[in-house]
């Protein structure tokens, strides 16, 4: 049953509204990650990958099964509840869902505009653009591995039988019975289909189903076979690693003496094998020589390789390891499952479908402008100071905005600024000293404030003779607020008319008057 959740007109017309907290698109993806192990050959490699770490992007709790796949800006995932879902890779919005009505035990695959998967004994092909069913085909047995579709043929493993189905109609082109259930998805390269079984056999089939050869791959095989220019590689559950030629002849074999349950990743130089003890071993593809071992902790998922880095989830931690020497570059906690590499991002299906965004996103905040509410104030008064703070980074941040008066911190405030946004903040700064004071917020100048002390001399400008008389004890004209002590004003400056000569003259006049009064009484 198909359920379609469509965006509105803006989405369909290619328009988008930018919102705080939205995530950048997965535009770095060129070829996508079309199969659970990346490609038809199961190499689990990509040309790029996150170099400097990852941060959490969107997450969907949908009960995913295995590694998701991605193509053309859409992420496809199967769920344990029997649904296949399509999501917008940029923000995780669900685009469509298809209910198979039966449990799904293996992840989906993508090829040429279609999504393929098995549920129970039925193989399905869906239109990748809308989730509509193209065809379905019932086989014999239960689903045991992901589907691999290449060059017009869909290769399916059901229990101990491998099928070749027609890509467009699902018609059974051929089928072959094997010695045991398949160990992972068949690998396909240059017209040959390589199939490993859990009992330790490796088969080479022609694309039309003809059996070319069979080889002994050891007591058991863990995970899907991998084929490259250097050969066909398989790993055993007891730690055996083997390389075969495309004709089935063994090239080399090595034993790690540790339990292995996951498929290897193979690039031009190494076979990367993760063990249940939390180690990753790098063996040369040419000889099996072990070049390095990375020691992690806990159970392992299948590693992947991108841009010279091995990404391995060990004991719940994603480790990024230099493929050339085994040195750890970075790690990220709280991850389970084998990731898919999409450009510089990772997709993980660990019950939750998650996007891990490549690179550490960080804020970049700065004060971009500052201004004053007034450029004059009296001593003890306050002036408003406004500032604008911009975050040009790609993560939300907090900026500590500091107001400086004459390069001395006067006020500060912590301001939350979302990524790509600007925030306005206001301060009130008081002034206790007269004079001219320079004000800035961070490195942005706000201007200067002229502070006056509110006295008569300040109100009269420079204090010149403007005809105003100061009051005297003799009742002279001029009522002012200036207080005087010993002929000086409150600020200690001499007061006109009240110097020492004036005081002496007044004293002599009083004494003379008293003497005259005394003579008259006598």
Protein backbone atom coordinates (compact mmCIF):
# COMPACT_ATOMS: atom_id res chain seq x y z
CA UNK A 1 0.00 0.00 0.00
CA UNK A 2 1.38 3.36 -1.04
CA UNK A 3 1.16 6.45 1.15
CA UNK A 4 2.43 9.71 -0.29
CA UNK A 5 3.26 12.77 1.82
CA UNK A 6 3.79 15.63 -0.60
CA UNK A 7 5.19 19.05 0.13
CA UNK A 8 3.21 22.10 -0.91
CA UNK A 9 3.61 24.26 -3.96
CA UNK A 10 6.83 25.86 -2.72
CA UNK A 11 8.55 22.49 -2.52
CA UNK A 12 7.30 21.31 -5.86
CA UNK A 13 8.38 24.49 -7.61
CA UNK A 14 11.85 24.27 -6.17
CA UNK A 15 11.46 27.14 -3.74
CA UNK A 16 12.43 26.87 -0.11
CA UNK A 17 12.04 28.99 2.96
CA UNK A 18 15.14 29.33 5.11
CA UNK A 19 14.44 28.61 8.76
CA UNK A 20 16.58 28.74 11.86
CA UNK A 21 17.97 25.32 12.64
CA UNK A 22 17.57 23.98 9.10
CA UNK A 23 20.36 21.84 7.80
CA UNK A 24 22.36 22.34 4.62
CA UNK A 25 21.57 20.04 1.73
CA UNK A 26 23.57 16.92 0.95
CA UNK A 27 24.85 18.59 -2.19
CA UNK A 28 28.34 17.10 -1.89
CA UNK A 29 26.97 13.76 -3.07
CA UNK A 30 27.88 13.01 -6.66
CA UNK A 31 27.14 9.31 -7.15
CA UNK A 32 25.26 8.62 -3.93
CA UNK A 33 25.37 5.34 -2.00
CA UNK A 34 23.11 3.07 -4.02
CA UNK A 35 23.62 -0.26 -2.28
CA UNK A 36 24.09 -1.19 1.38
CA UNK A 37 27.77 -1.78 0.50
CA UNK A 38 27.86 1.24 -1.81
CA UNK A 39 27.98 -0.40 -5.26
CA UNK A 40 27.32 -3.67 -7.13
CA UNK A 41 30.83 -4.93 -6.25
CA UNK A 42 30.19 -4.46 -2.48
CA UNK A 43 33.45 -2.51 -1.94
CA UNK A 44 31.87 -0.07 0.57
CA UNK A 45 34.03 2.77 -0.76
CA UNK A 46 33.43 6.37 -1.83
CA UNK A 47 35.65 9.11 -3.19
CA UNK A 48 34.88 11.48 -0.32
CA UNK A 49 33.86 11.46 3.32
CA UNK A 50 33.74 13.73 6.37
CA UNK A 51 37.29 14.86 7.12
CA UNK A 52 37.10 16.80 10.36
CA UNK A 53 34.31 15.17 12.30
CA UNK A 54 30.53 15.06 12.21
CA UNK A 55 27.67 16.72 14.02
CA UNK A 56 24.13 15.46 14.46
CA UNK A 57 21.74 16.37 11.69
CA UNK A 58 18.17 15.21 11.33
CA UNK A 59 16.92 11.99 12.90
CA UNK A 60 13.83 9.84 12.29
CA UNK A 61 12.75 7.14 14.71
CA UNK A 62 11.24 4.75 12.16
CA UNK A 63 12.80 1.40 13.07
CA UNK A 64 15.17 1.16 10.13
CA UNK A 65 16.74 -2.11 9.02
CA UNK A 66 20.42 -2.00 8.10
CA UNK A 67 22.23 0.67 6.12
CA UNK A 68 20.10 3.23 4.23
CA UNK A 69 20.87 4.10 0.62
CA UNK A 70 20.84 7.46 -1.13
CA UNK A 71 20.44 8.70 -4.69
CA UNK A 72 19.60 12.03 -6.30
CA UNK A 73 18.83 13.84 -3.06
CA UNK A 74 16.58 11.14 -1.59
CA UNK A 75 17.29 8.66 1.20
CA UNK A 76 15.64 5.24 1.07
CA UNK A 77 15.27 2.91 4.05
CA UNK A 78 13.43 -0.25 5.04
CA UNK A 79 11.78 -0.73 8.41
CA UNK A 80 11.29 -3.80 10.54
CA UNK A 81 7.56 -3.13 10.41
CA UNK A 82 7.47 -3.90 6.69
CA UNK A 83 7.60 -0.41 5.19
CA UNK A 84 9.96 1.23 2.73
CA UNK A 85 10.33 4.99 3.13
CA UNK A 86 11.66 7.82 1.00
CA UNK A 87 13.05 10.94 2.72
CA UNK A 88 14.34 14.28 1.52
CA UNK A 89 18.08 14.06 2.16
CA UNK A 90 18.40 17.73 3.08
CA UNK A 91 15.97 17.91 5.99
CA UNK A 92 14.62 14.39 6.53
CA UNK A 93 11.06 15.15 5.49
CA UNK A 94 9.21 11.98 4.54
CA UNK A 95 8.26 12.04 0.86
CA UNK A 96 6.50 8.70 0.58
CA UNK A 97 6.02 5.31 2.20
CA UNK A 98 5.17 1.86 0.91
CA UNK A 99 3.75 -0.87 3.13
CA UNK A 100 4.76 -4.36 2.02
CA UNK A 101 2.53 -6.02 4.59
CA UNK A 102 5.30 -8.36 5.71
CA UNK A 103 8.47 -8.07 7.74
CA UNK A 104 11.64 -6.83 6.06
CA UNK A 105 14.95 -8.30 7.21
CA UNK A 106 17.44 -6.72 4.79
CA UNK A 107 18.08 -3.15 3.61
CA UNK A 108 16.94 -1.82 0.24
CA UNK A 109 18.98 -1.19 -2.91
CA UNK A 110 18.68 1.46 -5.62
CA UNK A 111 19.34 1.21 -9.35
CA UNK A 112 18.27 3.36 -12.30
CA UNK A 113 15.29 5.04 -10.69
CA UNK A 114 13.95 2.00 -8.84
CA UNK A 115 14.15 0.76 -5.26
CA UNK A 116 14.43 -3.01 -4.76
CA UNK A 117 13.88 -5.11 -1.64
CA UNK A 118 12.51 -8.41 -0.39
CA UNK A 119 9.88 -8.97 2.28
CA UNK A 120 9.39 -12.59 3.23
CA UNK A 121 9.60 -14.53 -0.04
CA UNK A 122 8.49 -11.60 -2.24
CA UNK A 123 10.81 -9.29 -4.15
CA UNK A 124 9.55 -5.79 -4.97
CA UNK A 125 10.48 -3.01 -7.35
CA UNK A 126 9.25 0.50 -6.50
CA UNK A 127 9.38 3.76 -8.41
CA UNK A 128 12.02 5.71 -6.49
CA UNK A 129 10.33 9.05 -7.20
CA UNK A 130 7.00 8.27 -5.54
CA UNK A 131 7.11 4.79 -3.97
CA UNK A 132 4.57 3.26 -6.34
CA UNK A 133 4.94 -0.47 -6.93
CA UNK A 134 6.29 -1.42 -10.36
CA UNK A 135 6.23 -5.19 -9.86
CA UNK A 136 6.51 -7.92 -7.26
CA UNK A 137 7.63 -11.53 -7.59
CA UNK A 138 7.20 -14.39 -5.13
CA UNK A 139 10.00 -16.92 -4.79
CA UNK A 140 10.79 -19.87 -2.56
CA UNK A 141 12.24 -19.37 0.90
CA UNK A 142 12.83 -16.28 3.01
CA UNK A 143 14.78 -13.11 2.38
CA UNK A 144 18.37 -13.42 3.61
CA UNK A 145 20.28 -10.62 1.90
CA UNK A 146 19.89 -7.29 0.12
CA UNK A 147 18.96 -7.27 -3.56
CA UNK A 148 21.61 -6.30 -6.13
CA UNK A 149 20.37 -4.90 -9.45
CA UNK A 150 22.86 -4.45 -12.31
CA UNK A 151 22.53 -4.10 -16.08
CA UNK A 152 18.96 -5.25 -16.47
CA UNK A 153 19.07 -8.10 -13.95
CA UNK A 154 18.00 -8.16 -10.30
CA UNK A 155 19.95 -10.68 -8.22
CA UNK A 156 18.10 -12.01 -5.18
CA UNK A 157 18.99 -14.50 -2.48
CA UNK A 158 16.08 -16.39 -0.89
CA UNK A 159 17.23 -18.97 1.62
CA UNK A 160 19.57 -21.29 -0.37
CA UNK A 161 18.49 -20.13 -3.83
CA UNK A 162 19.86 -17.31 -5.94
CA UNK A 163 17.58 -15.75 -8.55
CA UNK A 164 18.12 -13.61 -11.59
CA UNK A 165 15.00 -11.51 -12.25
CA UNK A 166 14.21 -9.21 -15.13
CA UNK A 167 14.69 -5.60 -14.09
CA UNK A 168 11.53 -4.24 -15.72
CA UNK A 169 8.97 -6.97 -15.03
CA UNK A 170 10.44 -9.25 -12.35
CA UNK A 171 10.32 -12.26 -14.65
CA UNK A 172 12.49 -15.14 -13.42
CA UNK A 173 15.40 -15.33 -15.85
CA UNK A 174 17.24 -18.05 -13.96
CA UNK A 175 17.69 -19.55 -10.51
CA UNK A 176 20.23 -21.84 -8.89
CA UNK A 177 20.16 -23.85 -5.69
CA UNK A 178 23.17 -23.48 -3.40
CA UNK A 179 24.68 -25.51 -0.58
CA UNK A 180 23.47 -23.11 2.15
CA UNK A 181 21.80 -19.70 2.60
CA UNK A 182 23.58 -16.71 1.09
CA UNK A 183 26.05 -14.74 3.22
CA UNK A 184 25.14 -11.23 2.21
CA UNK A 185 24.31 -9.67 -1.13
CA UNK A 186 25.83 -11.11 -4.33
CA UNK A 187 28.70 -9.05 -5.78
CA UNK A 188 28.63 -8.22 -9.49
CA UNK A 189 31.50 -7.07 -11.69
CA UNK A 190 32.32 -7.37 -15.39
CA UNK A 191 29.51 -9.81 -16.13
CA UNK A 192 30.22 -12.22 -13.27
CA UNK A 193 28.07 -12.73 -10.18
CA UNK A 194 29.93 -13.78 -7.02
CA UNK A 195 27.89 -15.50 -4.32
CA UNK A 196 29.13 -16.71 -0.92
CA UNK A 197 27.24 -19.10 1.32
CA UNK A 198 27.29 -19.40 5.06
CA UNK A 199 28.84 -22.87 4.94
CA UNK A 200 32.00 -21.52 3.32
CA UNK A 201 31.53 -21.86 -0.43
CA UNK A 202 32.17 -19.17 -3.04
CA UNK A 203 30.45 -19.34 -6.44
CA UNK A 204 31.17 -17.56 -9.68
CA UNK A 205 28.12 -17.34 -11.96
CA UNK A 206 27.82 -15.90 -15.41
CA UNK A 207 25.28 -13.11 -15.73
CA UNK A 208 22.82 -15.51 -17.40
CA UNK A 209 23.06 -17.97 -14.49
CA UNK A 210 25.64 -20.39 -15.82
CA UNK A 211 27.94 -21.66 -13.05
CA UNK A 212 31.54 -20.87 -13.83
CA UNK A 213 33.34 -22.21 -10.75
CA UNK A 214 33.13 -23.00 -7.04
CA UNK A 215 35.82 -22.40 -4.40
CA UNK A 216 36.32 -23.32 -0.77
CA UNK A 217 36.21 -20.09 1.25
CA UNK A 218 36.72 -21.68 4.66
CA UNK A 219 34.52 -23.10 7.38
CA UNK A 220 32.05 -20.22 7.16
CA UNK A 221 31.62 -16.85 5.51
CA UNK A 222 30.61 -13.70 7.37
CA UNK A 223 29.13 -11.00 5.20
CA UNK A 224 28.97 -10.31 1.50
CA UNK A 225 31.84 -11.06 -0.90
CA UNK A 226 33.73 -8.11 -2.40
CA UNK A 227 35.27 -7.93 -5.88
CA UNK A 228 37.91 -5.47 -7.18
CA UNK A 229 40.69 -5.45 -9.77
CA UNK A 230 42.81 -7.34 -7.23
CA UNK A 231 40.42 -10.24 -6.75
CA UNK A 232 37.44 -11.52 -4.80
CA UNK A 233 37.63 -11.14 -1.02
CA UNK A 234 35.70 -13.00 1.67
CA UNK A 235 35.98 -13.11 5.45
CA UNK A 236 35.18 -16.05 7.69
CA UNK A 237 33.32 -16.01 10.96
CA UNK A 238 36.42 -17.31 12.77
CA UNK A 239 38.66 -14.57 11.40
CA UNK A 240 39.90 -16.05 8.15
CA UNK A 241 40.45 -13.57 5.30
CA UNK A 242 40.87 -14.93 1.76
CA UNK A 243 41.54 -13.52 -1.67
CA UNK A 244 40.59 -15.34 -4.88
CA UNK A 245 41.17 -14.61 -8.52
CA UNK A 246 38.16 -14.03 -10.73
CA UNK A 247 38.67 -17.60 -11.92
CA UNK A 248 38.23 -19.01 -8.41
CA UNK A 249 41.90 -19.74 -7.69
CA UNK A 250 43.03 -18.67 -4.22
CA UNK A 251 45.57 -15.83 -4.11
CA UNK A 252 46.25 -15.77 -0.37
CA UNK A 253 44.68 -16.38 3.02
CA UNK A 254 45.29 -14.97 6.49
CA UNK A 255 43.82 -15.63 9.91
CA UNK A 256 43.02 -12.91 12.44
CA UNK A 257 42.12 -15.49 15.14
CA UNK A 258 39.17 -13.30 16.11
CA UNK A 259 35.48 -13.58 15.45
CA UNK A 260 34.19 -11.62 12.44
CA UNK A 261 30.51 -11.03 11.70
CA UNK A 262 30.55 -8.13 9.22
CA UNK A 263 31.51 -7.62 5.59
CA UNK A 264 34.91 -6.08 4.82
CA UNK A 265 35.57 -2.85 2.94
CA UNK A 266 38.15 -2.92 0.15
CA UNK A 267 39.95 -0.07 -1.61
CA UNK A 268 42.94 -0.09 -3.98
CA UNK A 269 45.41 -0.90 -1.21
CA UNK A 270 43.78 -2.72 1.68
CA UNK A 271 41.08 -5.05 2.89
CA UNK A 272 39.61 -3.56 6.09
CA UNK A 273 38.15 -6.11 8.49
CA UNK A 274 36.42 -5.30 11.79
CA UNK A 275 36.30 -7.93 14.54
CA UNK A 276 33.95 -8.51 17.45
CA UNK A 277 36.74 -7.44 19.81
CA UNK A 278 36.53 -3.91 18.44
CA UNK A 279 39.62 -4.01 16.21
CA UNK A 280 40.03 -2.94 12.59
CA UNK A 281 42.73 -4.75 10.59
CA UNK A 282 44.19 -3.43 7.34
CA UNK A 283 45.54 -6.21 5.08
CA UNK A 284 47.20 -5.55 1.76
CA UNK A 285 45.02 -6.56 -1.17
CA UNK A 286 48.07 -7.88 -3.00
CA UNK A 287 49.41 -10.22 -0.33
CA UNK A 288 47.33 -10.22 2.85
CA UNK A 289 50.19 -8.60 4.79
CA UNK A 290 48.83 -6.74 7.79
CA UNK A 291 49.94 -3.11 7.70
CA UNK A 292 48.17 -1.86 10.80
CA UNK A 293 45.57 -2.57 13.47
CA UNK A 294 43.31 -0.01 15.07
CA UNK A 295 42.22 -1.09 18.54
CA UNK A 296 38.77 0.07 19.55
CA UNK A 297 36.34 -1.38 22.05
CA UNK A 298 33.16 -3.40 21.75
CA UNK A 299 31.33 -5.16 18.96
CA UNK A 300 31.86 -4.02 15.40
CA UNK A 301 29.75 -3.14 12.39
CA UNK A 302 30.92 -3.37 8.79
CA UNK A 303 33.48 -0.62 8.04
CA UNK A 304 33.33 1.74 5.06
CA UNK A 305 36.01 3.83 3.34
CA UNK A 306 35.87 7.31 1.84
CA UNK A 307 38.51 9.84 0.84
CA UNK A 308 41.37 7.96 2.51
CA UNK A 309 39.52 7.45 5.80
CA UNK A 310 38.09 4.27 7.27
CA UNK A 311 34.83 4.80 9.16
CA UNK A 312 34.17 2.02 11.68
CA UNK A 313 31.53 1.81 14.40
CA UNK A 314 33.01 -0.03 17.37
CA UNK A 315 31.18 -0.37 20.67
CA UNK A 316 28.80 2.49 19.96
CA UNK A 317 31.46 4.96 18.81
CA UNK A 318 32.13 6.01 15.23
CA UNK A 319 35.89 6.09 14.61
CA UNK A 320 37.50 7.84 11.65
CA UNK A 321 40.86 6.19 10.98
CA UNK A 322 43.58 7.20 8.52
CA UNK A 323 43.54 4.45 5.88
CA UNK A 324 47.28 4.73 5.29
CA UNK A 325 48.53 4.19 8.84
CA UNK A 326 45.65 3.39 11.21
CA UNK A 327 45.88 6.61 13.23
CA UNK A 328 42.59 7.90 14.55
CA UNK A 329 41.55 11.23 13.09
CA UNK A 330 38.40 11.80 15.15
CA UNK A 331 35.51 9.97 16.80
CA UNK A 332 31.82 10.52 17.48
CA UNK A 333 29.90 8.78 20.27
CA UNK A 334 26.40 7.35 20.23
CA UNK A 335 26.37 5.59 16.85
CA UNK A 336 25.47 2.04 15.89
CA UNK A 337 25.14 0.42 12.49
CA UNK A 338 27.24 0.52 9.35
CA UNK A 339 27.17 4.00 7.79
CA UNK A 340 26.59 5.11 4.22
CA UNK A 341 28.83 7.86 2.86
CA UNK A 342 27.04 10.63 0.97
CA UNK A 343 29.47 13.36 -0.02
CA UNK A 344 30.87 14.70 3.24
CA UNK A 345 27.99 13.36 5.34
CA UNK A 346 27.10 9.98 6.77
CA UNK A 347 23.75 8.21 6.94
CA UNK A 348 23.17 5.62 9.64
CA UNK A 349 20.29 3.23 10.18
CA UNK A 350 20.40 1.99 13.76
CA UNK A 351 16.67 1.76 14.42
CA UNK A 352 16.68 5.50 13.97
CA UNK A 353 17.48 6.87 10.54
CA UNK A 354 20.10 9.55 11.14
CA UNK A 355 22.09 12.03 9.16
CA UNK A 356 25.52 12.98 10.52
CA UNK A 357 26.74 16.20 8.95
CA UNK A 358 30.39 16.32 7.96
CA UNK A 359 32.65 18.86 9.62
CA UNK A 360 32.28 20.54 12.98
CA UNK A 361 29.72 23.27 12.57
CA UNK A 362 30.67 26.33 14.53
CA UNK A 363 29.34 29.81 15.22
CA UNK A 364 31.12 32.97 14.06
CA UNK A 365 29.76 35.93 16.01
CA UNK A 366 30.81 39.58 15.98
CA UNK A 367 29.46 43.06 16.75
CA UNK A 368 28.85 44.69 13.38
CA UNK A 369 27.51 48.09 14.50
CA UNK A 370 27.04 50.21 17.62
CA UNK A 371 25.38 53.57 18.33
CA UNK A 372 24.52 55.98 21.17
CA UNK A 373 21.08 57.12 22.24
CA UNK A 374 22.54 60.54 23.18
CA UNK A 375 25.94 62.21 23.00
CA UNK A 376 25.51 64.43 26.10
CA UNK A 377 24.60 63.69 29.71
CA UNK A 378 25.11 65.14 33.19
CA UNK A 379 27.23 63.42 35.80
CA UNK A 380 25.25 60.55 37.30
CA UNK A 381 23.06 60.19 34.23
CA UNK A 382 22.83 57.29 31.77
CA UNK A 383 23.06 56.92 28.00
CA UNK A 384 21.55 54.11 25.93
CA UNK A 385 23.98 52.10 23.80
CA UNK A 386 22.65 49.88 20.98
CA UNK A 387 24.61 47.13 19.22
CA UNK A 388 23.93 44.66 16.43
CA UNK A 389 25.54 41.20 16.62
CA UNK A 390 25.78 38.91 13.60
CA UNK A 391 26.45 35.15 13.52
CA UNK A 392 27.90 34.31 10.11
CA UNK A 393 28.74 30.73 11.16
CA UNK A 394 26.78 27.54 10.54
CA UNK A 395 25.87 26.77 14.15
CA UNK A 396 23.96 28.66 16.84
CA UNK A 397 26.28 30.57 19.17
CA UNK A 398 26.52 32.81 22.22
CA UNK A 399 28.34 36.13 22.03
CA UNK A 400 29.58 38.06 25.05
CA UNK A 401 28.94 41.68 24.15
CA UNK A 402 31.05 44.14 26.19
CA UNK A 403 30.57 47.91 26.35
CA UNK A 404 33.83 49.80 26.86
CA UNK A 405 34.08 53.40 28.08
CA UNK A 406 37.55 54.81 27.44
CA UNK A 407 38.70 51.18 26.84
CA UNK A 408 37.51 50.08 30.29
CA UNK A 409 34.75 47.47 30.53
CA UNK A 410 31.54 49.10 31.76
CA UNK A 411 28.74 46.63 30.93
CA UNK A 412 28.49 43.16 29.39
CA UNK A 413 25.84 40.67 28.40
CA UNK A 414 25.76 37.16 26.92
CA UNK A 415 23.61 37.12 23.79
CA UNK A 416 22.32 34.00 21.99
CA UNK A 417 22.59 34.41 18.21
CA UNK A 418 21.19 31.73 15.84
CA UNK A 419 23.30 30.65 12.87
CA UNK A 420 23.07 33.10 9.98
CA UNK A 421 21.05 35.62 11.99
CA UNK A 422 21.55 39.07 13.56
CA UNK A 423 20.39 40.13 17.02
CA UNK A 424 20.01 43.67 18.40
CA UNK A 425 20.92 44.32 22.03
CA UNK A 426 20.64 47.49 24.16
CA UNK A 427 22.60 48.66 27.20
CA UNK A 428 22.26 51.57 29.65
CA UNK A 429 25.61 53.02 30.71
CA UNK A 430 25.95 55.56 33.54
CA UNK A 431 28.67 58.22 33.74
CA UNK A 432 30.18 59.56 37.01
CA UNK A 433 33.04 61.68 35.68
CA UNK A 434 32.70 64.88 33.64
CA UNK A 435 34.45 65.21 30.32
CA UNK A 436 34.41 63.52 26.93
CA UNK A 437 34.30 59.70 26.96
CA UNK A 438 34.75 57.30 24.02
CA UNK A 439 32.29 54.38 23.89
CA UNK A 440 32.52 51.14 21.91
CA UNK A 441 30.90 47.71 21.94
CA UNK A 442 33.49 45.07 21.26
CA UNK A 443 35.50 46.41 18.35
CA UNK A 444 32.71 48.61 16.99
CA UNK A 445 32.82 52.34 17.88
CA UNK A 446 29.56 53.83 19.15
CA UNK A 447 30.81 57.44 19.44
CA UNK A 448 31.68 59.87 22.24
CA UNK A 449 29.63 61.19 25.17
CA UNK A 450 30.14 64.69 26.64
CA UNK A 451 29.50 64.51 30.40
CA UNK A 452 28.84 67.75 32.33
CA UNK A 453 28.71 68.16 36.12
CA UNK A 454 25.57 70.38 36.14
CA UNK A 455 27.25 73.42 37.96
CA UNK A 456 26.76 77.13 37.07
CA UNK A 457 30.21 77.32 35.55
CA UNK A 458 29.29 74.41 33.23
CA UNK A 459 26.00 76.09 32.31
CA UNK A 460 27.85 79.38 31.61
CA UNK A 461 30.29 77.84 29.23
CA UNK A 462 33.90 78.72 30.08
CA UNK A 463 33.01 80.76 33.24
CA UNK A 464 33.82 84.26 31.75
CA UNK A 465 32.47 87.57 33.15
CA UNK A 466 28.85 87.53 31.96
CA UNK A 467 27.59 90.19 34.36
CA UNK A 468 26.17 87.82 36.95
CA UNK A 469 26.95 89.00 40.50
CA UNK A 470 27.76 86.69 43.36
CA UNK A 471 25.87 87.22 46.61
CA UNK A 472 27.68 88.86 49.57
CA UNK A 473 27.08 89.23 53.27
CA UNK A 474 26.27 92.89 52.64
CA UNK A 475 23.17 91.97 50.64
CA UNK A 476 24.70 92.52 47.22
CA UNK A 477 22.58 91.57 44.22
CA UNK A 478 22.80 88.17 42.54
CA UNK A 479 21.22 85.04 44.02
CA UNK A 480 23.21 81.99 42.87
CA UNK A 481 23.63 78.38 43.90
CA UNK A 482 27.35 78.74 44.39
CA UNK A 483 28.42 77.92 47.90
CA UNK A 484 31.57 79.58 49.16
CA UNK A 485 33.97 78.87 51.96
CA UNK A 486 36.80 81.28 52.82
CA UNK A 487 36.33 83.06 49.55
CA UNK A 488 36.32 79.93 47.48
CA UNK A 489 33.58 78.13 45.68
CA UNK A 490 32.67 74.54 46.44
CA UNK A 491 35.10 73.34 43.76
CA UNK A 492 37.95 75.30 45.39
CA UNK A 493 38.20 78.09 42.80
CA UNK A 494 38.51 81.76 44.02
CA UNK A 495 35.19 83.64 44.17
CA UNK A 496 35.18 87.21 42.74
CA UNK A 497 34.60 89.94 45.49
CA UNK A 498 35.48 87.65 48.37
CA UNK A 499 39.26 87.66 48.36
CA UNK A 500 41.34 88.55 51.47
CA UNK A 501 41.33 92.39 50.87
CA UNK A 502 37.54 92.51 50.86
CA UNK A 503 37.29 90.52 54.07
CA UNK A 504 39.82 92.79 55.85
CA UNK A 505 37.95 95.97 54.82
CA UNK A 506 34.66 94.63 56.12
CA UNK A 507 36.24 93.70 59.45
CA UNK A 508 37.77 97.20 59.99
CA UNK A 509 34.41 98.85 59.22
CA UNK A 510 32.67 96.79 61.90
CA UNK A 511 35.35 97.61 64.52
CA UNK A 512 35.17 101.37 63.76
CA UNK A 513 31.40 101.40 64.16
CA UNK A 514 31.63 99.71 67.58
CA UNK A 515 34.24 102.22 68.80
CA UNK A 516 32.02 105.17 67.85
CA UNK A 517 29.08 103.65 69.70
CA UNK A 518 31.25 103.19 72.82
CA UNK A 519 32.33 106.86 72.83
CA UNK A 520 28.73 108.07 72.61
CA UNK A 521 27.72 105.91 75.61
CA UNK A 522 30.53 107.29 77.73
